[in-house]
Amino acid sequence: MPYTALQIAELIGGIVIGDSKVALSGFAPAGAAKNGDLTFAENDVYFERAQQSADALGLHLEIR
């Protein structure tokens, strides 16, 4: 079952920057993500790869 970006953000206590209605149906590493995938960037190298996967949604969490 696909979730929207907003639903994922609410589950983890995050916010969406961009289209909160984007449907997400899978996960993939940065650089390999495709349309509908959620990816993450744990450092600048992966962040750059995630940015190149324009169809994927990147997740940024701030740990406090």
PDB file of N, CA and C in Angstrom:
ATOM      1  N   MET A   1       0.841  -1.179   0.000  1.00  0.00           N
ATOM      2  CA  MET A   1       0.000   0.000   0.000  1.00  0.00           C
ATOM      3  C   MET A   1       0.887   1.243   0.000  1.00  0.00           C
ATOM      4  N   PRO A   2       0.736   2.107  -0.983  1.00  0.00           N
ATOM      5  CA  PRO A   2       1.534   3.333  -1.012  1.00  0.00           C
ATOM      6  C   PRO A   2       1.104   4.306   0.087  1.00  0.00           C
ATOM      7  N   TYR A   3       2.069   5.027   0.588  1.00  0.00           N
ATOM      8  CA  TYR A   3       1.821   6.098   1.557  1.00  0.00           C
ATOM      9  C   TYR A   3       2.187   7.414   0.892  1.00  0.00           C
ATOM     10  N   THR A   4       1.584   8.504   1.346  1.00  0.00           N
ATOM     11  CA  THR A   4       1.981   9.813   0.843  1.00  0.00           C
ATOM     12  C   THR A   4       3.165  10.319   1.656  1.00  0.00           C
ATOM     13  N   ALA A   5       3.851  11.300   1.107  1.00  0.00           N
ATOM     14  CA  ALA A   5       4.973  11.912   1.820  1.00  0.00           C
ATOM     15  C   ALA A   5       4.497  12.465   3.162  1.00  0.00           C
ATOM     16  N   LEU A   6       3.311  13.046   3.190  1.00  0.00           N
ATOM     17  CA  LEU A   6       2.765  13.599   4.432  1.00  0.00           C
ATOM     18  C   LEU A   6       2.537  12.502   5.470  1.00  0.00           C
ATOM     19  N   GLN A   7       2.014  11.361   5.054  1.00  0.00           N
ATOM     20  CA  GLN A   7       1.779  10.264   5.998  1.00  0.00           C
ATOM     21  C   GLN A   7       3.090   9.771   6.609  1.00  0.00           C
ATOM     22  N   ILE A   8       4.130   9.646   5.790  1.00  0.00           N
ATOM     23  CA  ILE A   8       5.438   9.223   6.299  1.00  0.00           C
ATOM     24  C   ILE A   8       5.970  10.264   7.281  1.00  0.00           C
ATOM     25  N   ALA A   9       5.893  11.528   6.904  1.00  0.00           N
ATOM     26  CA  ALA A   9       6.375  12.608   7.773  1.00  0.00           C
ATOM     27  C   ALA A   9       5.658  12.601   9.117  1.00  0.00           C
ATOM     28  N   GLU A  10       4.364  12.386   9.096  1.00  0.00           N
ATOM     29  CA  GLU A  10       3.599  12.358  10.347  1.00  0.00           C
ATOM     30  C   GLU A  10       4.005  11.166  11.219  1.00  0.00           C
ATOM     31  N   LEU A  11       4.299  10.037  10.599  1.00  0.00           N
ATOM     32  CA  LEU A  11       4.708   8.850  11.356  1.00  0.00           C
ATOM     33  C   LEU A  11       6.040   9.044  12.076  1.00  0.00           C
ATOM     34  N   ILE A  12       6.943   9.803  11.456  1.00  0.00           N
ATOM     35  CA  ILE A  12       8.274   9.967  12.043  1.00  0.00           C
ATOM     36  C   ILE A  12       8.483  11.333  12.690  1.00  0.00           C
ATOM     37  N   GLY A  13       7.437  12.152  12.695  1.00  0.00           N
ATOM     38  CA  GLY A  13       7.555  13.470  13.314  1.00  0.00           C
ATOM     39  C   GLY A  13       8.356  14.450  12.481  1.00  0.00           C
ATOM     40  N   GLY A  14       8.263  14.324  11.173  1.00  0.00           N
ATOM     41  CA  GLY A  14       8.999  15.209  10.267  1.00  0.00           C
ATOM     42  C   GLY A  14       8.080  16.171   9.549  1.00  0.00           C
ATOM     43  N   ILE A  15       8.643  16.917   8.630  1.00  0.00           N
ATOM     44  CA  ILE A  15       7.871  17.831   7.797  1.00  0.00           C
ATOM     45  C   ILE A  15       8.193  17.547   6.339  1.00  0.00           C
ATOM     46  N   VAL A  16       7.288  17.926   5.476  1.00  0.00           N
ATOM     47  CA  VAL A  16       7.486  17.761   4.033  1.00  0.00           C
ATOM     48  C   VAL A  16       7.798  19.122   3.438  1.00  0.00           C
ATOM     49  N   ILE A  17       8.857  19.180   2.675  1.00  0.00           N
ATOM     50  CA  ILE A  17       9.160  20.378   1.899  1.00  0.00           C
ATOM     51  C   ILE A  17       8.916  19.994   0.454  1.00  0.00           C
ATOM     52  N   GLY A  18       7.866  20.516  -0.117  1.00  0.00           N
ATOM     53  CA  GLY A  18       7.492  20.128  -1.475  1.00  0.00           C
ATOM     54  C   GLY A  18       6.092  19.535  -1.464  1.00  0.00           C
ATOM     55  N   ASP A  19       5.814  18.701  -2.437  1.00  0.00           N
ATOM     56  CA  ASP A  19       4.486  18.122  -2.615  1.00  0.00           C
ATOM     57  C   ASP A  19       4.217  17.020  -1.589  1.00  0.00           C
ATOM     58  N   SER A  20       3.374  17.298  -0.614  1.00  0.00           N
ATOM     59  CA  SER A  20       3.083  16.328   0.443  1.00  0.00           C
ATOM     60  C   SER A  20       2.171  15.197  -0.018  1.00  0.00           C
ATOM     61  N   LYS A  21       1.613  15.317  -1.220  1.00  0.00           N
ATOM     62  CA  LYS A  21       0.695  14.292  -1.730  1.00  0.00           C
ATOM     63  C   LYS A  21       1.393  13.239  -2.584  1.00  0.00           C
ATOM     64  N   VAL A  22       2.701  13.343  -2.734  1.00  0.00           N
ATOM     65  CA  VAL A  22       3.459  12.367  -3.534  1.00  0.00           C
ATOM     66  C   VAL A  22       3.266  10.980  -2.937  1.00  0.00           C
ATOM     67  N   ALA A  23       2.906  10.018  -3.776  1.00  0.00           N
ATOM     68  CA  ALA A  23       2.710   8.638  -3.323  1.00  0.00           C
ATOM     69  C   ALA A  23       4.045   7.894  -3.344  1.00  0.00           C
ATOM     70  N   LEU A  24       4.363   7.259  -2.229  1.00  0.00           N
ATOM     71  CA  LEU A  24       5.605   6.501  -2.098  1.00  0.00           C
ATOM     72  C   LEU A  24       5.268   5.026  -1.992  1.00  0.00           C
ATOM     73  N   SER A  25       5.963   4.208  -2.777  1.00  0.00           N
ATOM     74  CA  SER A  25       5.644   2.782  -2.789  1.00  0.00           C
ATOM     75  C   SER A  25       6.854   1.887  -2.559  1.00  0.00           C
ATOM     76  N   GLY A  26       8.032   2.496  -2.347  1.00  0.00           N
ATOM     77  CA  GLY A  26       9.221   1.680  -2.132  1.00  0.00           C
ATOM     78  C   GLY A  26      10.350   2.491  -1.533  1.00  0.00           C
ATOM     79  N   PHE A  27      11.459   1.799  -1.268  1.00  0.00           N
ATOM     80  CA  PHE A  27      12.669   2.419  -0.753  1.00  0.00           C
ATOM     81  C   PHE A  27      13.818   2.045  -1.665  1.00  0.00           C
ATOM     82  N   ALA A  28      14.802   2.936  -1.774  1.00  0.00           N
ATOM     83  CA  ALA A  28      15.983   2.630  -2.580  1.00  0.00           C
ATOM     84  C   ALA A  28      17.146   3.484  -2.096  1.00  0.00           C
ATOM     85  N   PRO A  29      18.364   2.999  -2.281  1.00  0.00           N
ATOM     86  CA  PRO A  29      19.522   3.808  -1.897  1.00  0.00           C
ATOM     87  C   PRO A  29      19.653   5.031  -2.807  1.00  0.00           C
ATOM     88  N   ALA A  30      20.287   6.069  -2.281  1.00  0.00           N
ATOM     89  CA  ALA A  30      20.516   7.278  -3.069  1.00  0.00           C
ATOM     90  C   ALA A  30      21.263   6.907  -4.340  1.00  0.00           C
ATOM     91  N   GLY A  31      20.868   7.485  -5.444  1.00  0.00           N
ATOM     92  CA  GLY A  31      21.502   7.210  -6.728  1.00  0.00           C
ATOM     93  C   GLY A  31      20.837   6.101  -7.508  1.00  0.00           C
ATOM     94  N   ALA A  32      20.044   5.254  -6.823  1.00  0.00           N
ATOM     95  CA  ALA A  32      19.347   4.163  -7.505  1.00  0.00           C
ATOM     96  C   ALA A  32      17.832   4.316  -7.399  1.00  0.00           C
ATOM     97  N   ALA A  33      17.392   5.342  -6.699  1.00  0.00           N
ATOM     98  CA  ALA A  33      15.950   5.544  -6.482  1.00  0.00           C
ATOM     99  C   ALA A  33      15.251   5.919  -7.779  1.00  0.00           C
ATOM    100  N   LYS A  34      14.022   5.456  -7.889  1.00  0.00           N
ATOM    101  CA  LYS A  34      13.210   5.779  -9.064  1.00  0.00           C
ATOM    102  C   LYS A  34      11.882   6.377  -8.605  1.00  0.00           C
ATOM    103  N   ASN A  35      11.037   6.693  -9.546  1.00  0.00           N
ATOM    104  CA  ASN A  35       9.749   7.308  -9.239  1.00  0.00           C
ATOM    105  C   ASN A  35       8.988   6.488  -8.195  1.00  0.00           C
ATOM    106  N   GLY A  36       8.547   7.143  -7.129  1.00  0.00           N
ATOM    107  CA  GLY A  36       7.784   6.475  -6.083  1.00  0.00           C
ATOM    108  C   GLY A  36       8.621   5.938  -4.944  1.00  0.00           C
ATOM    109  N   ASP A  37       9.951   6.068  -5.031  1.00  0.00           N
ATOM    110  CA  ASP A  37      10.835   5.575  -3.981  1.00  0.00           C
ATOM    111  C   ASP A  37      11.154   6.661  -2.957  1.00  0.00           C
ATOM    112  N   LEU A  38      11.349   6.226  -1.749  1.00  0.00           N
ATOM    113  CA  LEU A  38      11.846   7.079  -0.679  1.00  0.00           C
ATOM    114  C   LEU A  38      13.315   6.738  -0.493  1.00  0.00           C
ATOM    115  N   THR A  39      14.157   7.744  -0.425  1.00  0.00           N
ATOM    116  CA  THR A  39      15.575   7.527  -0.197  1.00  0.00           C
ATOM    117  C   THR A  39      16.037   8.435   0.925  1.00  0.00           C
ATOM    118  N   PHE A  40      17.236   8.236   1.388  1.00  0.00           N
ATOM    119  CA  PHE A  40      17.757   9.067   2.463  1.00  0.00           C
ATOM    120  C   PHE A  40      19.202   9.432   2.172  1.00  0.00           C
ATOM    121  N   ALA A  41      19.655  10.492   2.818  1.00  0.00           N
ATOM    122  CA  ALA A  41      21.025  10.965   2.623  1.00  0.00           C
ATOM    123  C   ALA A  41      21.655  11.174   3.988  1.00  0.00           C
ATOM    124  N   GLU A  42      22.617  10.324   4.303  1.00  0.00           N
ATOM    125  CA  GLU A  42      23.234  10.419   5.626  1.00  0.00           C
ATOM    126  C   GLU A  42      24.475  11.299   5.646  1.00  0.00           C
ATOM    127  N   ASN A  43      24.947  11.704   4.461  1.00  0.00           N
ATOM    128  CA  ASN A  43      26.064  12.643   4.390  1.00  0.00           C
ATOM    129  C   ASN A  43      26.003  13.370   3.046  1.00  0.00           C
ATOM    130  N   ASP A  44      26.951  14.282   2.819  1.00  0.00           N
ATOM    131  CA  ASP A  44      26.919  15.115   1.613  1.00  0.00           C
ATOM    132  C   ASP A  44      27.015  14.304   0.319  1.00  0.00           C
ATOM    133  N   VAL A  45      27.788  13.228   0.325  1.00  0.00           N
ATOM    134  CA  VAL A  45      27.933  12.399  -0.880  1.00  0.00           C
ATOM    135  C   VAL A  45      26.578  11.788  -1.250  1.00  0.00           C
ATOM    136  N   TYR A  46      25.909  11.196  -0.278  1.00  0.00           N
ATOM    137  CA  TYR A  46      24.608  10.583  -0.549  1.00  0.00           C
ATOM    138  C   TYR A  46      23.538  11.623  -0.840  1.00  0.00           C
ATOM    139  N   PHE A  47      23.674  12.796  -0.217  1.00  0.00           N
ATOM    140  CA  PHE A  47      22.715  13.866  -0.489  1.00  0.00           C
ATOM    141  C   PHE A  47      22.794  14.269  -1.958  1.00  0.00           C
ATOM    142  N   GLU A  48      24.011  14.386  -2.472  1.00  0.00           N
ATOM    143  CA  GLU A  48      24.180  14.741  -3.876  1.00  0.00           C
ATOM    144  C   GLU A  48      23.587  13.657  -4.792  1.00  0.00           C
ATOM    145  N   ARG A  49      23.809  12.399  -4.462  1.00  0.00           N
ATOM    146  CA  ARG A  49      23.225  11.299  -5.251  1.00  0.00           C
ATOM    147  C   ARG A  49      21.704  11.343  -5.200  1.00  0.00           C
ATOM    148  N   ALA A  50      21.166  11.620  -4.028  1.00  0.00           N
ATOM    149  CA  ALA A  50      19.708  11.698  -3.880  1.00  0.00           C
ATOM    150  C   ALA A  50      19.139  12.834  -4.715  1.00  0.00           C
ATOM    151  N   GLN A  51      19.851  13.953  -4.771  1.00  0.00           N
ATOM    152  CA  GLN A  51      19.387  15.073  -5.586  1.00  0.00           C
ATOM    153  C   GLN A  51      19.348  14.710  -7.067  1.00  0.00           C
ATOM    154  N   GLN A  52      20.241  13.829  -7.508  1.00  0.00           N
ATOM    155  CA  GLN A  52      20.275  13.417  -8.909  1.00  0.00           C
ATOM    156  C   GLN A  52      19.135  12.462  -9.244  1.00  0.00           C
ATOM    157  N   SER A  53      18.534  11.855  -8.237  1.00  0.00           N
ATOM    158  CA  SER A  53      17.371  10.988  -8.437  1.00  0.00           C
ATOM    159  C   SER A  53      16.124  11.856  -8.327  1.00  0.00           C
ATOM    160  N   ALA A  54      15.899  12.664  -9.342  1.00  0.00           N
ATOM    161  CA  ALA A  54      14.857  13.699  -9.277  1.00  0.00           C
ATOM    162  C   ALA A  54      13.458  13.146  -9.031  1.00  0.00           C
ATOM    163  N   ASP A  55      13.209  11.909  -9.418  1.00  0.00           N
ATOM    164  CA  ASP A  55      11.876  11.337  -9.250  1.00  0.00           C
ATOM    165  C   ASP A  55      11.636  10.784  -7.850  1.00  0.00           C
ATOM    166  N   ALA A  56      12.674  10.676  -7.067  1.00  0.00           N
ATOM    167  CA  ALA A  56      12.550  10.104  -5.726  1.00  0.00           C
ATOM    168  C   ALA A  56      12.353  11.201  -4.698  1.00  0.00           C
ATOM    169  N   LEU A  57      11.848  10.810  -3.546  1.00  0.00           N
ATOM    170  CA  LEU A  57      11.696  11.736  -2.436  1.00  0.00           C
ATOM    171  C   LEU A  57      12.790  11.461  -1.432  1.00  0.00           C
ATOM    172  N   GLY A  58      13.528  12.486  -1.094  1.00  0.00           N
ATOM    173  CA  GLY A  58      14.589  12.349  -0.099  1.00  0.00           C
ATOM    174  C   GLY A  58      14.070  12.661   1.295  1.00  0.00           C
ATOM    175  N   LEU A  59      14.636  12.026   2.274  1.00  0.00           N
ATOM    176  CA  LEU A  59      14.232  12.219   3.656  1.00  0.00           C
ATOM    177  C   LEU A  59      15.410  12.767   4.442  1.00  0.00           C
ATOM    178  N   HIS A  60      15.174  13.868   5.129  1.00  0.00           N
ATOM    179  CA  HIS A  60      16.209  14.469   5.960  1.00  0.00           C
ATOM    180  C   HIS A  60      15.689  14.523   7.392  1.00  0.00           C
ATOM    181  N   LEU A  61      16.420  13.928   8.298  1.00  0.00           N
ATOM    182  CA  LEU A  61      16.048  13.973   9.713  1.00  0.00           C
ATOM    183  C   LEU A  61      17.136  14.671  10.494  1.00  0.00           C
ATOM    184  N   GLU A  62      16.719  15.496  11.426  1.00  0.00           N
ATOM    185  CA  GLU A  62      17.654  16.126  12.332  1.00  0.00           C
ATOM    186  C   GLU A  62      17.556  15.429  13.663  1.00  0.00           C
ATOM    187  N   ILE A  63      18.634  14.872  14.106  1.00  0.00           N
ATOM    188  CA  ILE A  63      18.655  14.181  15.404  1.00  0.00           C
ATOM    189  C   ILE A  63      19.098  15.176  16.453  1.00  0.00           C
ATOM    190  N   ARG A  64      18.285  15.323  17.468  1.00  0.00           N
ATOM    191  CA  ARG A  64      18.621  16.276  18.544  1.00  0.00           C
ATOM    192  C   ARG A  64      18.798  15.564  19.836  1.00  0.00           C
TER     193      ARG A  64
END
